[in-house]
Amino acid sequence: MTLAVADAIMDTSALKLVFGQDDAAIEALLEGDSFEDVIRHGIPVGRDSDTIASMAGAIAPVYYKDIPDELVVQILTYLTDDLRASFTKWQSIVG
């Protein structure tokens, strides 16, 4: 993510200029009030809702700073061993 996009995420008025009014993932970010709520707002949009929710979930930690620990623990239970190992390796790199 570029610095311009990161800056735009922190300024919700700029988001609409950068991404457009009808971008569903950005709309979910603007309507949600927590990481999980952003994803929940992306799901019922219709169209390609799994992609919209995943894009909203990808940008939400930038805005909300973190994913709740209990949610990370739950998500990790759904991953296969090799995916969990990849996640752990990634976390050790990025902190």
C-alpha atoms as a PDB file:
ATOM      1  CA  MET A   1       0.000   0.000   0.000  1.00  0.00           C
ATOM      2  CA  THR A   2       1.393   3.373  -0.930  1.00  0.00           C
ATOM      3  CA  LEU A   3       1.762   6.189   1.548  1.00  0.00           C
ATOM      4  CA  ALA A   4      -0.875   8.155  -0.361  1.00  0.00           C
ATOM      5  CA  VAL A   5      -3.411   5.362   0.098  1.00  0.00           C
ATOM      6  CA  ALA A   6      -2.484   4.972   3.774  1.00  0.00           C
ATOM      7  CA  ASP A   7      -2.883   8.721   4.279  1.00  0.00           C
ATOM      8  CA  ALA A   8      -6.226   8.625   2.491  1.00  0.00           C
ATOM      9  CA  ILE A   9      -7.447   5.846   4.765  1.00  0.00           C
ATOM     10  CA  MET A  10      -6.777   8.046   7.756  1.00  0.00           C
ATOM     11  CA  ASP A  11      -8.794  10.881   6.155  1.00  0.00           C
ATOM     12  CA  THR A  12     -12.261   9.542   5.409  1.00  0.00           C
ATOM     13  CA  SER A  13     -13.215  12.560   3.271  1.00  0.00           C
ATOM     14  CA  ALA A  14     -10.225  11.856   1.028  1.00  0.00           C
ATOM     15  CA  LEU A  15     -11.261   8.204   0.733  1.00  0.00           C
ATOM     16  CA  LYS A  16     -14.264   9.115  -1.331  1.00  0.00           C
ATOM     17  CA  LEU A  17     -12.094  11.165  -3.681  1.00  0.00           C
ATOM     18  CA  VAL A  18      -9.401   8.500  -4.028  1.00  0.00           C
ATOM     19  CA  PHE A  19     -11.618   5.414  -4.374  1.00  0.00           C
ATOM     20  CA  GLY A  20     -14.943   6.803  -5.548  1.00  0.00           C
ATOM     21  CA  GLN A  21     -18.316   6.844  -3.864  1.00  0.00           C
ATOM     22  CA  ASP A  22     -19.445   3.350  -4.818  1.00  0.00           C
ATOM     23  CA  ASP A  23     -16.451   1.233  -3.877  1.00  0.00           C
ATOM     24  CA  ALA A  24     -18.092  -1.315  -1.586  1.00  0.00           C
ATOM     25  CA  ALA A  25     -14.965  -2.183   0.437  1.00  0.00           C
ATOM     26  CA  ILE A  26     -14.277   1.466   1.245  1.00  0.00           C
ATOM     27  CA  GLU A  27     -17.941   1.985   2.034  1.00  0.00           C
ATOM     28  CA  ALA A  28     -17.779  -0.931   4.487  1.00  0.00           C
ATOM     29  CA  LEU A  29     -14.721   0.667   6.103  1.00  0.00           C
ATOM     30  CA  LEU A  30     -16.502   3.985   6.474  1.00  0.00           C
ATOM     31  CA  GLU A  31     -19.688   2.411   7.864  1.00  0.00           C
ATOM     32  CA  GLY A  32     -18.024   0.022  10.313  1.00  0.00           C
ATOM     33  CA  ASP A  33     -16.940   0.990  13.792  1.00  0.00           C
ATOM     34  CA  SER A  34     -14.488  -1.878  14.440  1.00  0.00           C
ATOM     35  CA  PHE A  35     -12.416  -4.376  12.465  1.00  0.00           C
ATOM     36  CA  GLU A  36     -15.104  -7.048  12.683  1.00  0.00           C
ATOM     37  CA  ASP A  37     -17.897  -4.583  11.946  1.00  0.00           C
ATOM     38  CA  VAL A  38     -16.161  -3.472   8.743  1.00  0.00           C
ATOM     39  CA  ILE A  39     -16.148  -7.066   7.491  1.00  0.00           C
ATOM     40  CA  ARG A  40     -19.802  -7.493   8.505  1.00  0.00           C
ATOM     41  CA  HIS A  41     -20.694  -4.384   6.479  1.00  0.00           C
ATOM     42  CA  GLY A  42     -18.945  -5.835   3.424  1.00  0.00           C
ATOM     43  CA  ILE A  43     -20.808  -9.150   3.428  1.00  0.00           C
ATOM     44  CA  PRO A  44     -24.437  -8.172   2.670  1.00  0.00           C
ATOM     45  CA  VAL A  45     -23.542  -5.878  -0.223  1.00  0.00           C
ATOM     46  CA  GLY A  46     -24.226  -8.622  -2.734  1.00  0.00           C
ATOM     47  CA  ARG A  47     -22.297  -9.022  -5.965  1.00  0.00           C
ATOM     48  CA  ASP A  48     -18.950 -10.588  -5.030  1.00  0.00           C
ATOM     49  CA  SER A  49     -19.460 -10.260  -1.267  1.00  0.00           C
ATOM     50  CA  ASP A  50     -16.630 -12.583  -0.202  1.00  0.00           C
ATOM     51  CA  THR A  51     -14.142 -10.482  -2.161  1.00  0.00           C
ATOM     52  CA  ILE A  52     -15.635  -7.221  -0.899  1.00  0.00           C
ATOM     53  CA  ALA A  53     -15.514  -8.425   2.707  1.00  0.00           C
ATOM     54  CA  SER A  54     -11.927  -9.667   2.310  1.00  0.00           C
ATOM     55  CA  MET A  55     -10.808  -6.356   0.765  1.00  0.00           C
ATOM     56  CA  ALA A  56     -12.529  -4.469   3.572  1.00  0.00           C
ATOM     57  CA  GLY A  57     -10.820  -6.784   6.076  1.00  0.00           C
ATOM     58  CA  ALA A  58      -7.464  -6.161   4.406  1.00  0.00           C
ATOM     59  CA  ILE A  59      -7.701  -2.396   4.774  1.00  0.00           C
ATOM     60  CA  ALA A  60      -9.458  -2.275   8.160  1.00  0.00           C
ATOM     61  CA  PRO A  61      -6.315  -3.016  10.247  1.00  0.00           C
ATOM     62  CA  VAL A  62      -4.660   0.088   8.768  1.00  0.00           C
ATOM     63  CA  TYR A  63      -7.529   2.190  10.050  1.00  0.00           C
ATOM     64  CA  TYR A  64      -8.229   0.358  13.314  1.00  0.00           C
ATOM     65  CA  LYS A  65      -4.545  -0.455  13.949  1.00  0.00           C
ATOM     66  CA  ASP A  66      -5.024  -4.084  14.938  1.00  0.00           C
ATOM     67  CA  ILE A  67      -7.112  -7.203  14.595  1.00  0.00           C
ATOM     68  CA  PRO A  68      -8.575  -8.332  17.959  1.00  0.00           C
ATOM     69  CA  ASP A  69      -6.511 -11.197  19.432  1.00  0.00           C
ATOM     70  CA  GLU A  70      -9.544 -13.415  20.038  1.00  0.00           C
ATOM     71  CA  LEU A  71     -10.473 -13.109  16.360  1.00  0.00           C
ATOM     72  CA  VAL A  72      -6.932 -14.025  15.245  1.00  0.00           C
ATOM     73  CA  VAL A  73      -6.986 -17.097  17.501  1.00  0.00           C
ATOM     74  CA  GLN A  74     -10.331 -18.176  16.032  1.00  0.00           C
ATOM     75  CA  ILE A  75      -9.180 -17.594  12.443  1.00  0.00           C
ATOM     76  CA  LEU A  76      -6.015 -19.636  13.027  1.00  0.00           C
ATOM     77  CA  THR A  77      -8.136 -22.655  13.955  1.00  0.00           C
ATOM     78  CA  TYR A  78      -9.546 -22.674  10.411  1.00  0.00           C
ATOM     79  CA  LEU A  79      -6.128 -22.767   8.712  1.00  0.00           C
ATOM     80  CA  THR A  80      -4.275 -25.879   7.639  1.00  0.00           C
ATOM     81  CA  ASP A  81      -0.895 -26.512   9.243  1.00  0.00           C
ATOM     82  CA  ASP A  82       1.026 -25.186   6.239  1.00  0.00           C
ATOM     83  CA  LEU A  83      -1.048 -21.988   6.088  1.00  0.00           C
ATOM     84  CA  ARG A  84      -0.697 -21.499   9.834  1.00  0.00           C
ATOM     85  CA  ALA A  85       3.096 -21.903   9.450  1.00  0.00           C
ATOM     86  CA  SER A  86       3.102 -19.285   6.673  1.00  0.00           C
ATOM     87  CA  PHE A  87       1.114 -16.907   8.875  1.00  0.00           C
ATOM     88  CA  THR A  88       3.509 -17.435  11.785  1.00  0.00           C
ATOM     89  CA  LYS A  89       6.503 -16.811   9.538  1.00  0.00           C
ATOM     90  CA  TRP A  90       4.895 -13.647   8.171  1.00  0.00           C
ATOM     91  CA  GLN A  91       4.151 -12.390  11.691  1.00  0.00           C
ATOM     92  CA  SER A  92       7.776 -12.948  12.708  1.00  0.00           C
ATOM     93  CA  ILE A  93       8.863 -10.786   9.774  1.00  0.00           C
ATOM     94  CA  VAL A  94       6.427  -7.917  10.171  1.00  0.00           C
ATOM     95  CA  GLY A  95       6.002  -8.071  13.907  1.00  0.00           C
END
